[in-house]
Amino acid sequence: MKKVSVIGAGSWGTALAFVLAENGHDCLIWGRRQEQTDEINEQHTNQAYLKNCKLPESLKASSNLEQVVEHADILIVAVPTKGMREIGSQLNDLIQQPKLIVHVSKGIEPDTLKRITEMLAEEIRPEARKGLVVLSGPSHAEEVVLRHPTTVTVASEDTRAAEEIQTLFMNSFFRVYTNEDVLGVELGGALKNVIALAAGITDGLDYGDNAKAALITRGLAEITRLGVKMGANPVTFAGLAGMGDLIVTANSVHSRNWKAGNMLGKGHSLKEVTEGMGMVIEGVRTTKAAHQLAKQYDVSMPLTEALYSVLFEGHEPKEAVDWLMNRGKKKETDDFSN
């Protein structure tokens, strides 16, 4: 049994805490709101994020971050990318003994273009970290808590750290692979949200299966093209953190990025979508970051460019699709160049 703390009581943080408690670990989860942690402790539910899910009675919650940090040697950080630096700074102040830190979020910081491990490395002093690990892959929280078979990957520059987290989470319904390509795993997890937003738009426009299949396929090519240019292993994008996560996020009603895109395709404004969702839509911020990365690395990313024009330049979704369909001739098998 290990002592583990999960920082963040949203749907994914709660689902991972569920897995850890199921595995017999002493798990404490942190939430900002006292009423939410009281609900987890007393009702063994977290209805705002996972409706009708009964949580293990062994899973405990606290709104006292210092208590949660002191509880464990392994910290699972499950907060949105937008709040990652703030929570990293708080952890830096609170950590007294080195911790193994795992992040499970998917995004890229606009303007700085930092991945989450880079952000955490900047905010948390080296002597407070035993290692940094990223957990990613096709994994809807709603299905994990139903014990449906789910497979993810964990990546770290420290192989032993990745293997420790693999062992921590592995069970009969939650399978974990290891990967040394931290860059590729983080890029795949973040950029698939961009394509999932676009996939939701095509569904909102009622463009059907042909358009969806083309978008996912070309979206994966676009993700791979940028990732390879940045130094990632192309094989990673054919795996769980790339193609796997893209398939599940672009096709599922559980995906908030797909839902947001679907609403955009049906004519809602971005403001209406973000206010109506009530949860962070990582793909919106990541679209801005991906647009900036494409320019910095001089990589062609037409789907990202089209989505950026819809989100930030006021173009209509159908107008963006027409632009994509009427681009100049390309050769599909060119080496990540089209």
C-alpha atoms as a PDB file:
ATOM      1  CA  MET A   1       0.000   0.000   0.000  1.00  0.00           C
ATOM      2  CA  LYS A   2       1.219   3.463  -0.927  1.00  0.00           C
ATOM      3  CA  LYS A   3       0.176   6.865   0.405  1.00  0.00           C
ATOM      4  CA  VAL A   4      -0.951   8.945  -2.562  1.00  0.00           C
ATOM      5  CA  SER A   5      -2.529  12.382  -2.839  1.00  0.00           C
ATOM      6  CA  VAL A   6      -4.562  13.622  -5.801  1.00  0.00           C
ATOM      7  CA  ILE A   7      -4.523  17.395  -6.310  1.00  0.00           C
ATOM      8  CA  GLY A   8      -7.793  18.257  -8.008  1.00  0.00           C
ATOM      9  CA  ALA A   9     -11.280  16.824  -7.470  1.00  0.00           C
ATOM     10  CA  GLY A  10     -12.657  17.253 -10.977  1.00  0.00           C
ATOM     11  CA  SER A  11     -13.887  14.274 -13.000  1.00  0.00           C
ATOM     12  CA  TRP A  12     -10.440  12.934 -13.984  1.00  0.00           C
ATOM     13  CA  GLY A  13      -8.803  13.500 -10.601  1.00  0.00           C
ATOM     14  CA  THR A  14     -11.722  11.762  -8.904  1.00  0.00           C
ATOM     15  CA  ALA A  15     -11.628   8.838 -11.339  1.00  0.00           C
ATOM     16  CA  LEU A  16      -7.902   8.319 -10.748  1.00  0.00           C
ATOM     17  CA  ALA A  17      -8.432   8.544  -6.980  1.00  0.00           C
ATOM     18  CA  PHE A  18     -11.134   5.883  -7.466  1.00  0.00           C
ATOM     19  CA  VAL A  19      -8.581   3.602  -9.164  1.00  0.00           C
ATOM     20  CA  LEU A  20      -5.990   4.183  -6.450  1.00  0.00           C
ATOM     21  CA  ALA A  21      -8.476   3.454  -3.660  1.00  0.00           C
ATOM     22  CA  GLU A  22      -9.657   0.342  -5.518  1.00  0.00           C
ATOM     23  CA  ASN A  23      -6.023  -0.777  -5.614  1.00  0.00           C
ATOM     24  CA  GLY A  24      -5.832  -0.549  -1.821  1.00  0.00           C
ATOM     25  CA  HIS A  25      -3.736   2.593  -1.586  1.00  0.00           C
ATOM     26  CA  ASP A  26      -4.226   5.229   1.107  1.00  0.00           C
ATOM     27  CA  CYS A  27      -5.540   8.003  -1.134  1.00  0.00           C
ATOM     28  CA  LEU A  28      -6.431  11.558  -0.146  1.00  0.00           C
ATOM     29  CA  ILE A  29      -7.943  13.932  -2.701  1.00  0.00           C
ATOM     30  CA  TRP A  30      -7.838  17.725  -2.559  1.00  0.00           C
ATOM     31  CA  GLY A  31     -10.685  19.970  -3.657  1.00  0.00           C
ATOM     32  CA  ARG A  32     -10.963  23.747  -3.396  1.00  0.00           C
ATOM     33  CA  ARG A  33     -14.514  23.746  -2.039  1.00  0.00           C
ATOM     34  CA  GLN A  34     -15.300  22.480   1.434  1.00  0.00           C
ATOM     35  CA  GLU A  35     -18.801  21.364   0.410  1.00  0.00           C
ATOM     36  CA  GLN A  36     -17.304  19.152  -2.298  1.00  0.00           C
ATOM     37  CA  THR A  37     -14.823  17.457   0.045  1.00  0.00           C
ATOM     38  CA  ASP A  38     -17.579  17.028   2.649  1.00  0.00           C
ATOM     39  CA  GLU A  39     -19.696  15.282   0.010  1.00  0.00           C
ATOM     40  CA  ILE A  40     -16.859  12.902  -0.869  1.00  0.00           C
ATOM     41  CA  ASN A  41     -16.226  12.080   2.800  1.00  0.00           C
ATOM     42  CA  GLU A  42     -19.839  11.786   3.923  1.00  0.00           C
ATOM     43  CA  GLN A  43     -21.831  10.730   0.858  1.00  0.00           C
ATOM     44  CA  HIS A  44     -18.986   9.039  -1.059  1.00  0.00           C
ATOM     45  CA  THR A  45     -20.065  10.843  -4.231  1.00  0.00           C
ATOM     46  CA  ASN A  46     -18.902  13.761  -6.389  1.00  0.00           C
ATOM     47  CA  GLN A  47     -22.108  14.519  -8.227  1.00  0.00           C
ATOM     48  CA  ALA A  48     -20.958  17.752  -9.857  1.00  0.00           C
ATOM     49  CA  TYR A  49     -18.402  15.838 -11.915  1.00  0.00           C
ATOM     50  CA  LEU A  50     -19.345  12.141 -11.846  1.00  0.00           C
ATOM     51  CA  LYS A  51     -23.079  11.681 -11.498  1.00  0.00           C
ATOM     52  CA  ASN A  52     -24.395   8.495  -9.907  1.00  0.00           C
ATOM     53  CA  CYS A  53     -20.914   7.196  -9.102  1.00  0.00           C
ATOM     54  CA  LYS A  54     -20.363   5.644  -5.689  1.00  0.00           C
ATOM     55  CA  LEU A  55     -16.813   6.243  -4.522  1.00  0.00           C
ATOM     56  CA  PRO A  56     -14.907   3.830  -2.254  1.00  0.00           C
ATOM     57  CA  GLU A  57     -15.436   4.615   1.426  1.00  0.00           C
ATOM     58  CA  SER A  58     -11.662   4.394   1.901  1.00  0.00           C
ATOM     59  CA  LEU A  59     -11.189   7.451  -0.351  1.00  0.00           C
ATOM     60  CA  LYS A  60     -10.879  10.586   1.770  1.00  0.00           C
ATOM     61  CA  ALA A  61     -10.937  14.255   0.780  1.00  0.00           C
ATOM     62  CA  SER A  62      -9.693  17.537   2.206  1.00  0.00           C
ATOM     63  CA  SER A  63      -9.763  21.205   1.215  1.00  0.00           C
ATOM     64  CA  ASN A  64      -6.532  21.758   3.162  1.00  0.00           C
ATOM     65  CA  LEU A  65      -3.782  21.610   0.550  1.00  0.00           C
ATOM     66  CA  GLU A  66      -0.988  21.497   3.121  1.00  0.00           C
ATOM     67  CA  GLN A  67      -2.548  18.429   4.755  1.00  0.00           C
ATOM     68  CA  VAL A  68      -2.962  16.717   1.380  1.00  0.00           C
ATOM     69  CA  VAL A  69       0.642  17.391   0.362  1.00  0.00           C
ATOM     70  CA  GLU A  70       2.013  16.139   3.688  1.00  0.00           C
ATOM     71  CA  HIS A  71      -0.061  12.972   3.410  1.00  0.00           C
ATOM     72  CA  ALA A  72       1.904  11.305   0.617  1.00  0.00           C
ATOM     73  CA  ASP A  73       5.199  10.805  -1.180  1.00  0.00           C
ATOM     74  CA  ILE A  74       3.391  10.622  -4.536  1.00  0.00           C
ATOM     75  CA  LEU A  75       1.351  13.580  -5.778  1.00  0.00           C
ATOM     76  CA  ILE A  76      -1.056  13.233  -8.711  1.00  0.00           C
ATOM     77  CA  VAL A  77      -1.698  16.725 -10.118  1.00  0.00           C
ATOM     78  CA  ALA A  78      -5.085  16.895 -11.855  1.00  0.00           C
ATOM     79  CA  VAL A  79      -5.852  20.579 -12.376  1.00  0.00           C
ATOM     80  CA  PRO A  80      -6.487  22.413 -15.681  1.00  0.00           C
ATOM     81  CA  THR A  81      -3.477  23.766 -17.555  1.00  0.00           C
ATOM     82  CA  LYS A  82      -4.579  27.315 -16.781  1.00  0.00           C
ATOM     83  CA  GLY A  83      -4.127  26.678 -13.052  1.00  0.00           C
ATOM     84  CA  MET A  84      -0.956  24.589 -13.291  1.00  0.00           C
ATOM     85  CA  ARG A  85       1.543  27.339 -12.452  1.00  0.00           C
ATOM     86  CA  GLU A  86      -0.495  28.506  -9.464  1.00  0.00           C
ATOM     87  CA  ILE A  87      -0.751  25.009  -8.012  1.00  0.00           C
ATOM     88  CA  GLY A  88       2.913  24.331  -8.832  1.00  0.00           C
ATOM     89  CA  SER A  89       3.957  27.438  -6.905  1.00  0.00           C
ATOM     90  CA  GLN A  90       1.826  26.371  -3.942  1.00  0.00           C
ATOM     91  CA  LEU A  91       3.331  22.889  -3.997  1.00  0.00           C
ATOM     92  CA  ASN A  92       6.806  24.388  -4.100  1.00  0.00           C
ATOM     93  CA  ASP A  93       6.053  26.254  -0.869  1.00  0.00           C
ATOM     94  CA  LEU A  94       4.444  23.270   0.861  1.00  0.00           C
ATOM     95  CA  ILE A  95       6.693  20.334  -0.044  1.00  0.00           C
ATOM     96  CA  GLN A  96       9.105  19.578   2.792  1.00  0.00           C
ATOM     97  CA  GLN A  97      10.389  16.189   1.601  1.00  0.00           C
ATOM     98  CA  PRO A  98      10.929  15.257  -2.082  1.00  0.00           C
ATOM     99  CA  LYS A  99       7.807  13.952  -3.844  1.00  0.00           C
ATOM    100  CA  LEU A 100       7.253  11.962  -7.006  1.00  0.00           C
ATOM    101  CA  ILE A 101       4.982  14.231  -9.041  1.00  0.00           C
ATOM    102  CA  VAL A 102       2.611  12.936 -11.727  1.00  0.00           C
ATOM    103  CA  HIS A 103       0.534  15.249 -13.890  1.00  0.00           C
ATOM    104  CA  VAL A 104      -2.530  13.989 -15.728  1.00  0.00           C
ATOM    105  CA  SER A 105      -3.651  17.130 -17.584  1.00  0.00           C
ATOM    106  CA  LYS A 106      -3.495  17.801 -21.317  1.00  0.00           C
ATOM    107  CA  GLY A 107      -2.574  21.219 -22.628  1.00  0.00           C
ATOM    108  CA  ILE A 108       0.093  23.699 -23.714  1.00  0.00           C
ATOM    109  CA  GLU A 109       0.519  27.162 -22.235  1.00  0.00           C
ATOM    110  CA  PRO A 110      -0.138  29.866 -24.858  1.00  0.00           C
ATOM    111  CA  ASP A 111       2.600  32.433 -25.473  1.00  0.00           C
ATOM    112  CA  THR A 112       5.297  30.611 -23.466  1.00  0.00           C
ATOM    113  CA  LEU A 113       4.462  27.403 -25.401  1.00  0.00           C
ATOM    114  CA  LYS A 114       5.528  25.342 -22.392  1.00  0.00           C
ATOM    115  CA  ARG A 115       4.342  21.789 -21.846  1.00  0.00           C
ATOM    116  CA  ILE A 116       3.047  20.890 -18.400  1.00  0.00           C
ATOM    117  CA  THR A 117       6.198  19.089 -17.236  1.00  0.00           C
ATOM    118  CA  GLU A 118       8.169  22.199 -18.217  1.00  0.00           C
ATOM    119  CA  MET A 119       5.783  24.429 -16.289  1.00  0.00           C
ATOM    120  CA  LEU A 120       6.003  22.240 -13.177  1.00  0.00           C
ATOM    121  CA  ALA A 121       9.802  22.056 -13.459  1.00  0.00           C
ATOM    122  CA  GLU A 122       9.906  25.861 -13.476  1.00  0.00           C
ATOM    123  CA  GLU A 123       7.547  26.233 -10.514  1.00  0.00           C
ATOM    124  CA  ILE A 124       8.740  23.411  -8.227  1.00  0.00           C
ATOM    125  CA  ARG A 125      12.388  23.496  -7.135  1.00  0.00           C
ATOM    126  CA  PRO A 126      14.457  20.437  -8.152  1.00  0.00           C
ATOM    127  CA  GLU A 127      15.150  19.316  -4.570  1.00  0.00           C
ATOM    128  CA  ALA A 128      11.396  19.012  -3.965  1.00  0.00           C
ATOM    129  CA  ARG A 129      10.958  16.574  -6.855  1.00  0.00           C
ATOM    130  CA  LYS A 130      11.838  12.880  -6.913  1.00  0.00           C
ATOM    131  CA  GLY A 131      10.753  12.883 -10.537  1.00  0.00           C
ATOM    132  CA  LEU A 132       8.170  14.156 -13.013  1.00  0.00           C
ATOM    133  CA  VAL A 133       5.803  11.753 -14.766  1.00  0.00           C
ATOM    134  CA  VAL A 134       2.968  12.350 -17.247  1.00  0.00           C
ATOM    135  CA  LEU A 135      -0.044  10.011 -17.477  1.00  0.00           C
ATOM    136  CA  SER A 136      -2.042  10.231 -20.700  1.00  0.00           C
ATOM    137  CA  GLY A 137      -4.144   8.222 -23.126  1.00  0.00           C
ATOM    138  CA  PRO A 138      -7.732   7.443 -24.170  1.00  0.00           C
ATOM    139  CA  SER A 139      -9.523   7.582 -20.835  1.00  0.00           C
ATOM    140  CA  HIS A 140     -12.934   9.055 -20.089  1.00  0.00           C
ATOM    141  CA  ALA A 141     -13.441   9.383 -16.343  1.00  0.00           C
ATOM    142  CA  GLU A 142     -17.076   8.324 -16.694  1.00  0.00           C
ATOM    143  CA  GLU A 143     -15.988   4.919 -18.014  1.00  0.00           C
ATOM    144  CA  VAL A 144     -13.094   4.403 -15.609  1.00  0.00           C
ATOM    145  CA  VAL A 145     -15.407   4.606 -12.563  1.00  0.00           C
ATOM    146  CA  LEU A 146     -17.626   1.976 -14.200  1.00  0.00           C
ATOM    147  CA  ARG A 147     -14.539  -0.260 -14.277  1.00  0.00           C
ATOM    148  CA  HIS A 148     -14.662  -0.450 -18.055  1.00  0.00           C
ATOM    149  CA  PRO A 149     -11.347  -1.595 -19.577  1.00  0.00           C
ATOM    150  CA  THR A 150      -9.079   1.440 -19.997  1.00  0.00           C
ATOM    151  CA  THR A 151      -5.473   1.637 -21.173  1.00  0.00           C
ATOM    152  CA  VAL A 152      -3.108   4.586 -20.717  1.00  0.00           C
ATOM    153  CA  THR A 153       0.591   5.365 -20.905  1.00  0.00           C
ATOM    154  CA  VAL A 154       2.974   6.955 -18.412  1.00  0.00           C
ATOM    155  CA  ALA A 155       6.096   8.762 -19.575  1.00  0.00           C
ATOM    156  CA  SER A 156       9.124  10.107 -17.758  1.00  0.00           C
ATOM    157  CA  GLU A 157      12.777  10.782 -18.390  1.00  0.00           C
ATOM    158  CA  ASP A 158      13.314   8.553 -15.344  1.00  0.00           C
ATOM    159  CA  THR A 159      12.337   5.009 -16.340  1.00  0.00           C
ATOM    160  CA  ARG A 160      12.105   3.852 -12.724  1.00  0.00           C
ATOM    161  CA  ALA A 161       9.677   6.656 -11.894  1.00  0.00           C
ATOM    162  CA  ALA A 162       7.451   5.680 -14.819  1.00  0.00           C
ATOM    163  CA  GLU A 163       7.544   2.029 -13.772  1.00  0.00           C
ATOM    164  CA  GLU A 164       6.616   2.963 -10.192  1.00  0.00           C
ATOM    165  CA  ILE A 165       3.522   4.809 -11.412  1.00  0.00           C
ATOM    166  CA  GLN A 166       2.702   1.948 -13.769  1.00  0.00           C
ATOM    167  CA  THR A 167       2.643  -0.428 -10.792  1.00  0.00           C
ATOM    168  CA  LEU A 168       0.669   2.053  -8.677  1.00  0.00           C
ATOM    169  CA  PHE A 169      -2.272   2.222 -11.087  1.00  0.00           C
ATOM    170  CA  MET A 170      -2.324  -1.193 -12.782  1.00  0.00           C
ATOM    171  CA  ASN A 171      -5.304  -3.447 -12.103  1.00  0.00           C
ATOM    172  CA  SER A 172      -7.793  -5.659 -13.939  1.00  0.00           C
ATOM    173  CA  PHE A 173      -9.607  -2.755 -15.631  1.00  0.00           C
ATOM    174  CA  PHE A 174      -6.882  -0.075 -15.778  1.00  0.00           C
ATOM    175  CA  ARG A 175      -3.846  -1.098 -17.823  1.00  0.00           C
ATOM    176  CA  VAL A 176      -0.734   1.092 -17.973  1.00  0.00           C
ATOM    177  CA  TYR A 177       2.161   1.102 -20.451  1.00  0.00           C
ATOM    178  CA  THR A 178       5.424   3.038 -20.074  1.00  0.00           C
ATOM    179  CA  ASN A 179       7.013   5.378 -22.619  1.00  0.00           C
ATOM    180  CA  GLU A 180      10.241   7.398 -22.582  1.00  0.00           C
ATOM    181  CA  ASP A 181       8.988  10.033 -25.052  1.00  0.00           C
ATOM    182  CA  VAL A 182       7.703  12.707 -22.660  1.00  0.00           C
ATOM    183  CA  LEU A 183       7.579  15.316 -25.433  1.00  0.00           C
ATOM    184  CA  GLY A 184       5.484  13.134 -27.743  1.00  0.00           C
ATOM    185  CA  VAL A 185       3.107  11.974 -25.020  1.00  0.00           C
ATOM    186  CA  GLU A 186       2.421  15.528 -23.857  1.00  0.00           C
ATOM    187  CA  LEU A 187       2.026  16.900 -27.384  1.00  0.00           C
ATOM    188  CA  GLY A 188      -0.304  14.073 -28.398  1.00  0.00           C
ATOM    189  CA  GLY A 189      -2.486  14.546 -25.338  1.00  0.00           C
ATOM    190  CA  ALA A 190      -2.712  18.296 -25.818  1.00  0.00           C
ATOM    191  CA  LEU A 191      -3.103  18.579 -29.580  1.00  0.00           C
ATOM    192  CA  LYS A 192      -5.810  15.930 -29.885  1.00  0.00           C
ATOM    193  CA  ASN A 193      -8.116  18.382 -28.083  1.00  0.00           C
ATOM    194  CA  VAL A 194      -7.711  20.774 -31.014  1.00  0.00           C
ATOM    195  CA  ILE A 195      -8.770  18.115 -33.502  1.00  0.00           C
ATOM    196  CA  ALA A 196     -11.600  16.975 -31.200  1.00  0.00           C
ATOM    197  CA  LEU A 197     -12.999  20.514 -31.215  1.00  0.00           C
ATOM    198  CA  ALA A 198     -12.897  20.472 -35.012  1.00  0.00           C
ATOM    199  CA  ALA A 199     -14.540  17.033 -35.058  1.00  0.00           C
ATOM    200  CA  GLY A 200     -17.356  18.350 -32.911  1.00  0.00           C
ATOM    201  CA  ILE A 201     -17.845  21.182 -35.391  1.00  0.00           C
ATOM    202  CA  THR A 202     -18.203  18.754 -38.309  1.00  0.00           C
ATOM    203  CA  ASP A 203     -20.824  16.838 -36.346  1.00  0.00           C
ATOM    204  CA  GLY A 204     -22.581  20.063 -35.421  1.00  0.00           C
ATOM    205  CA  LEU A 205     -22.706  20.897 -39.128  1.00  0.00           C
ATOM    206  CA  ASP A 206     -24.119  17.398 -39.855  1.00  0.00           C
ATOM    207  CA  TYR A 207     -21.312  16.651 -42.298  1.00  0.00           C
ATOM    208  CA  GLY A 208     -21.382  12.912 -41.565  1.00  0.00           C
ATOM    209  CA  ASP A 209     -18.884  10.088 -41.316  1.00  0.00           C
ATOM    210  CA  ASN A 210     -16.787  10.874 -44.394  1.00  0.00           C
ATOM    211  CA  ALA A 211     -15.850  14.304 -43.099  1.00  0.00           C
ATOM    212  CA  LYS A 212     -15.184  12.989 -39.586  1.00  0.00           C
ATOM    213  CA  ALA A 213     -12.895  10.215 -40.831  1.00  0.00           C
ATOM    214  CA  ALA A 214     -10.939  12.632 -43.008  1.00  0.00           C
ATOM    215  CA  LEU A 215     -10.603  15.144 -40.199  1.00  0.00           C
ATOM    216  CA  ILE A 216      -9.299  12.607 -37.694  1.00  0.00           C
ATOM    217  CA  THR A 217      -6.848  11.135 -40.200  1.00  0.00           C
ATOM    218  CA  ARG A 218      -5.496  14.462 -41.380  1.00  0.00           C
ATOM    219  CA  GLY A 219      -5.547  15.734 -37.817  1.00  0.00           C
ATOM    220  CA  LEU A 220      -3.256  12.930 -36.726  1.00  0.00           C
ATOM    221  CA  ALA A 221      -0.920  13.738 -39.629  1.00  0.00           C
ATOM    222  CA  GLU A 222      -0.887  17.354 -38.486  1.00  0.00           C
ATOM    223  CA  ILE A 223      -0.098  16.426 -34.867  1.00  0.00           C
ATOM    224  CA  THR A 224       2.651  14.059 -36.001  1.00  0.00           C
ATOM    225  CA  ARG A 225       4.145  16.639 -38.361  1.00  0.00           C
ATOM    226  CA  LEU A 226       4.563  19.172 -35.579  1.00  0.00           C
ATOM    227  CA  GLY A 227       5.705  16.599 -33.036  1.00  0.00           C
ATOM    228  CA  VAL A 228       8.423  15.201 -35.286  1.00  0.00           C
ATOM    229  CA  LYS A 229       9.648  18.714 -36.107  1.00  0.00           C
ATOM    230  CA  MET A 230       9.908  19.403 -32.364  1.00  0.00           C
ATOM    231  CA  GLY A 231      11.881  16.196 -31.761  1.00  0.00           C
ATOM    232  CA  ALA A 232       9.271  13.640 -30.657  1.00  0.00           C
ATOM    233  CA  ASN A 233       9.241   9.982 -31.691  1.00  0.00           C
ATOM    234  CA  PRO A 234       6.712   9.517 -34.540  1.00  0.00           C
ATOM    235  CA  VAL A 235       5.755   6.093 -33.147  1.00  0.00           C
ATOM    236  CA  THR A 236       4.288   7.805 -30.077  1.00  0.00           C
ATOM    237  CA  PHE A 237       1.585   9.418 -32.205  1.00  0.00           C
ATOM    238  CA  ALA A 238       0.454   6.024 -33.472  1.00  0.00           C
ATOM    239  CA  GLY A 239       0.009   4.894 -29.867  1.00  0.00           C
ATOM    240  CA  LEU A 240      -2.249   5.517 -26.900  1.00  0.00           C
ATOM    241  CA  ALA A 241      -1.280   9.158 -26.327  1.00  0.00           C
ATOM    242  CA  GLY A 242      -1.694   9.965 -30.025  1.00  0.00           C
ATOM    243  CA  MET A 243      -4.123   8.025 -32.192  1.00  0.00           C
ATOM    244  CA  GLY A 244      -5.823   6.339 -29.217  1.00  0.00           C
ATOM    245  CA  ASP A 245      -6.609   9.546 -27.379  1.00  0.00           C
ATOM    246  CA  LEU A 246      -7.597  11.305 -30.606  1.00  0.00           C
ATOM    247  CA  ILE A 247     -10.117   8.600 -31.535  1.00  0.00           C
ATOM    248  CA  VAL A 248     -11.845   8.599 -28.170  1.00  0.00           C
ATOM    249  CA  THR A 249     -11.922  12.384 -27.771  1.00  0.00           C
ATOM    250  CA  ALA A 250     -13.127  13.139 -31.305  1.00  0.00           C
ATOM    251  CA  ASN A 251     -15.964  10.613 -31.180  1.00  0.00           C
ATOM    252  CA  SER A 252     -17.437  10.563 -27.711  1.00  0.00           C
ATOM    253  CA  VAL A 253     -20.301  12.431 -26.065  1.00  0.00           C
ATOM    254  CA  HIS A 254     -18.197  12.266 -22.867  1.00  0.00           C
ATOM    255  CA  SER A 255     -15.630  14.611 -24.451  1.00  0.00           C
ATOM    256  CA  ARG A 256     -16.096  18.239 -23.410  1.00  0.00           C
ATOM    257  CA  ASN A 257     -13.950  19.326 -26.373  1.00  0.00           C
ATOM    258  CA  TRP A 258     -16.225  17.445 -28.794  1.00  0.00           C
ATOM    259  CA  LYS A 259     -19.292  18.899 -27.061  1.00  0.00           C
ATOM    260  CA  ALA A 260     -17.887  22.413 -27.351  1.00  0.00           C
ATOM    261  CA  GLY A 261     -17.146  21.950 -31.053  1.00  0.00           C
ATOM    262  CA  ASN A 262     -20.584  20.473 -31.626  1.00  0.00           C
ATOM    263  CA  MET A 263     -22.200  23.565 -30.116  1.00  0.00           C
ATOM    264  CA  LEU A 264     -20.006  25.817 -32.269  1.00  0.00           C
ATOM    265  CA  GLY A 265     -21.049  23.865 -35.359  1.00  0.00           C
ATOM    266  CA  LYS A 266     -24.704  24.370 -34.423  1.00  0.00           C
ATOM    267  CA  GLY A 267     -24.222  28.133 -34.392  1.00  0.00           C
ATOM    268  CA  HIS A 268     -23.441  28.997 -30.774  1.00  0.00           C
ATOM    269  CA  SER A 269     -20.768  31.608 -30.048  1.00  0.00           C
ATOM    270  CA  LEU A 270     -17.566  30.715 -28.201  1.00  0.00           C
ATOM    271  CA  LYS A 271     -18.768  32.786 -25.251  1.00  0.00           C
ATOM    272  CA  GLU A 272     -22.046  30.863 -25.105  1.00  0.00           C
ATOM    273  CA  VAL A 273     -20.184  27.563 -25.298  1.00  0.00           C
ATOM    274  CA  THR A 274     -17.659  28.324 -22.553  1.00  0.00           C
ATOM    275  CA  GLU A 275     -20.315  29.716 -20.226  1.00  0.00           C
ATOM    276  CA  GLY A 276     -22.673  26.813 -20.899  1.00  0.00           C
ATOM    277  CA  MET A 277     -20.126  24.019 -20.388  1.00  0.00           C
ATOM    278  CA  GLY A 278     -19.287  24.893 -16.777  1.00  0.00           C
ATOM    279  CA  MET A 279     -15.932  23.079 -17.105  1.00  0.00           C
ATOM    280  CA  VAL A 280     -12.584  23.980 -18.665  1.00  0.00           C
ATOM    281  CA  ILE A 281     -12.342  23.353 -22.425  1.00  0.00           C
ATOM    282  CA  GLU A 282      -8.617  22.710 -22.806  1.00  0.00           C
ATOM    283  CA  GLY A 283      -8.791  22.640 -26.591  1.00  0.00           C
ATOM    284  CA  VAL A 284      -9.580  26.342 -26.857  1.00  0.00           C
ATOM    285  CA  ARG A 285      -6.375  27.466 -25.127  1.00  0.00           C
ATOM    286  CA  THR A 286      -4.407  24.719 -26.857  1.00  0.00           C
ATOM    287  CA  THR A 287      -5.609  25.866 -30.286  1.00  0.00           C
ATOM    288  CA  LYS A 288      -3.981  29.233 -29.640  1.00  0.00           C
ATOM    289  CA  ALA A 289      -0.762  27.550 -28.491  1.00  0.00           C
ATOM    290  CA  ALA A 290      -0.754  25.129 -31.453  1.00  0.00           C
ATOM    291  CA  HIS A 291      -1.246  28.029 -33.854  1.00  0.00           C
ATOM    292  CA  GLN A 292       1.788  29.727 -32.309  1.00  0.00           C
ATOM    293  CA  LEU A 293       3.864  26.530 -32.411  1.00  0.00           C
ATOM    294  CA  ALA A 294       3.053  26.007 -36.092  1.00  0.00           C
ATOM    295  CA  LYS A 295       4.416  29.446 -36.880  1.00  0.00           C
ATOM    296  CA  GLN A 296       7.476  29.042 -34.647  1.00  0.00           C
ATOM    297  CA  TYR A 297       8.449  25.696 -36.199  1.00  0.00           C
ATOM    298  CA  ASP A 298       7.239  26.591 -39.723  1.00  0.00           C
ATOM    299  CA  VAL A 299       4.922  23.564 -39.873  1.00  0.00           C
ATOM    300  CA  SER A 300       1.807  23.391 -42.042  1.00  0.00           C
ATOM    301  CA  MET A 301      -1.239  22.820 -39.781  1.00  0.00           C
ATOM    302  CA  PRO A 302      -4.282  23.769 -41.875  1.00  0.00           C
ATOM    303  CA  LEU A 303      -6.882  22.204 -39.549  1.00  0.00           C
ATOM    304  CA  THR A 304      -5.456  24.113 -36.596  1.00  0.00           C
ATOM    305  CA  GLU A 305      -5.349  27.280 -38.687  1.00  0.00           C
ATOM    306  CA  ALA A 306      -8.995  26.841 -39.702  1.00  0.00           C
ATOM    307  CA  LEU A 307     -10.112  26.224 -36.123  1.00  0.00           C
ATOM    308  CA  TYR A 308      -8.110  29.214 -34.904  1.00  0.00           C
ATOM    309  CA  SER A 309      -9.930  31.380 -37.429  1.00  0.00           C
ATOM    310  CA  VAL A 310     -13.281  30.220 -36.020  1.00  0.00           C
ATOM    311  CA  LEU A 311     -12.353  30.597 -32.351  1.00  0.00           C
ATOM    312  CA  PHE A 312     -10.363  33.825 -32.446  1.00  0.00           C
ATOM    313  CA  GLU A 313     -10.990  35.605 -35.751  1.00  0.00           C
ATOM    314  CA  GLY A 314     -14.766  35.431 -36.063  1.00  0.00           C
ATOM    315  CA  HIS A 315     -14.976  33.147 -39.105  1.00  0.00           C
ATOM    316  CA  GLU A 316     -18.023  30.928 -39.500  1.00  0.00           C
ATOM    317  CA  PRO A 317     -17.398  27.146 -39.219  1.00  0.00           C
ATOM    318  CA  LYS A 318     -18.744  26.466 -42.732  1.00  0.00           C
ATOM    319  CA  GLU A 319     -16.466  29.173 -44.123  1.00  0.00           C
ATOM    320  CA  ALA A 320     -13.459  27.452 -42.507  1.00  0.00           C
ATOM    321  CA  VAL A 321     -14.471  24.078 -43.944  1.00  0.00           C
ATOM    322  CA  ASP A 322     -14.862  25.573 -47.424  1.00  0.00           C
ATOM    323  CA  TRP A 323     -11.341  27.024 -47.142  1.00  0.00           C
ATOM    324  CA  LEU A 324      -9.942  23.619 -46.145  1.00  0.00           C
ATOM    325  CA  MET A 325     -11.676  21.799 -48.991  1.00  0.00           C
ATOM    326  CA  ASN A 326     -10.531  24.297 -51.627  1.00  0.00           C
ATOM    327  CA  ARG A 327      -6.846  24.388 -50.741  1.00  0.00           C
ATOM    328  CA  GLY A 328      -4.304  23.599 -53.445  1.00  0.00           C
ATOM    329  CA  LYS A 329      -3.471  20.041 -54.497  1.00  0.00           C
ATOM    330  CA  LYS A 330      -1.376  17.977 -52.103  1.00  0.00           C
ATOM    331  CA  LYS A 331       0.264  14.560 -52.058  1.00  0.00           C
ATOM    332  CA  GLU A 332      -0.813  12.517 -49.040  1.00  0.00           C
ATOM    333  CA  THR A 333       2.406  10.532 -48.747  1.00  0.00           C
ATOM    334  CA  ASP A 334       4.762  13.491 -48.668  1.00  0.00           C
ATOM    335  CA  ASP A 335       6.986  13.186 -45.622  1.00  0.00           C
ATOM    336  CA  PHE A 336       4.842  15.117 -43.082  1.00  0.00           C
ATOM    337  CA  SER A 337       5.050  18.134 -45.385  1.00  0.00           C
ATOM    338  CA  ASN A 338       1.415  18.738 -46.393  1.00  0.00           C
END
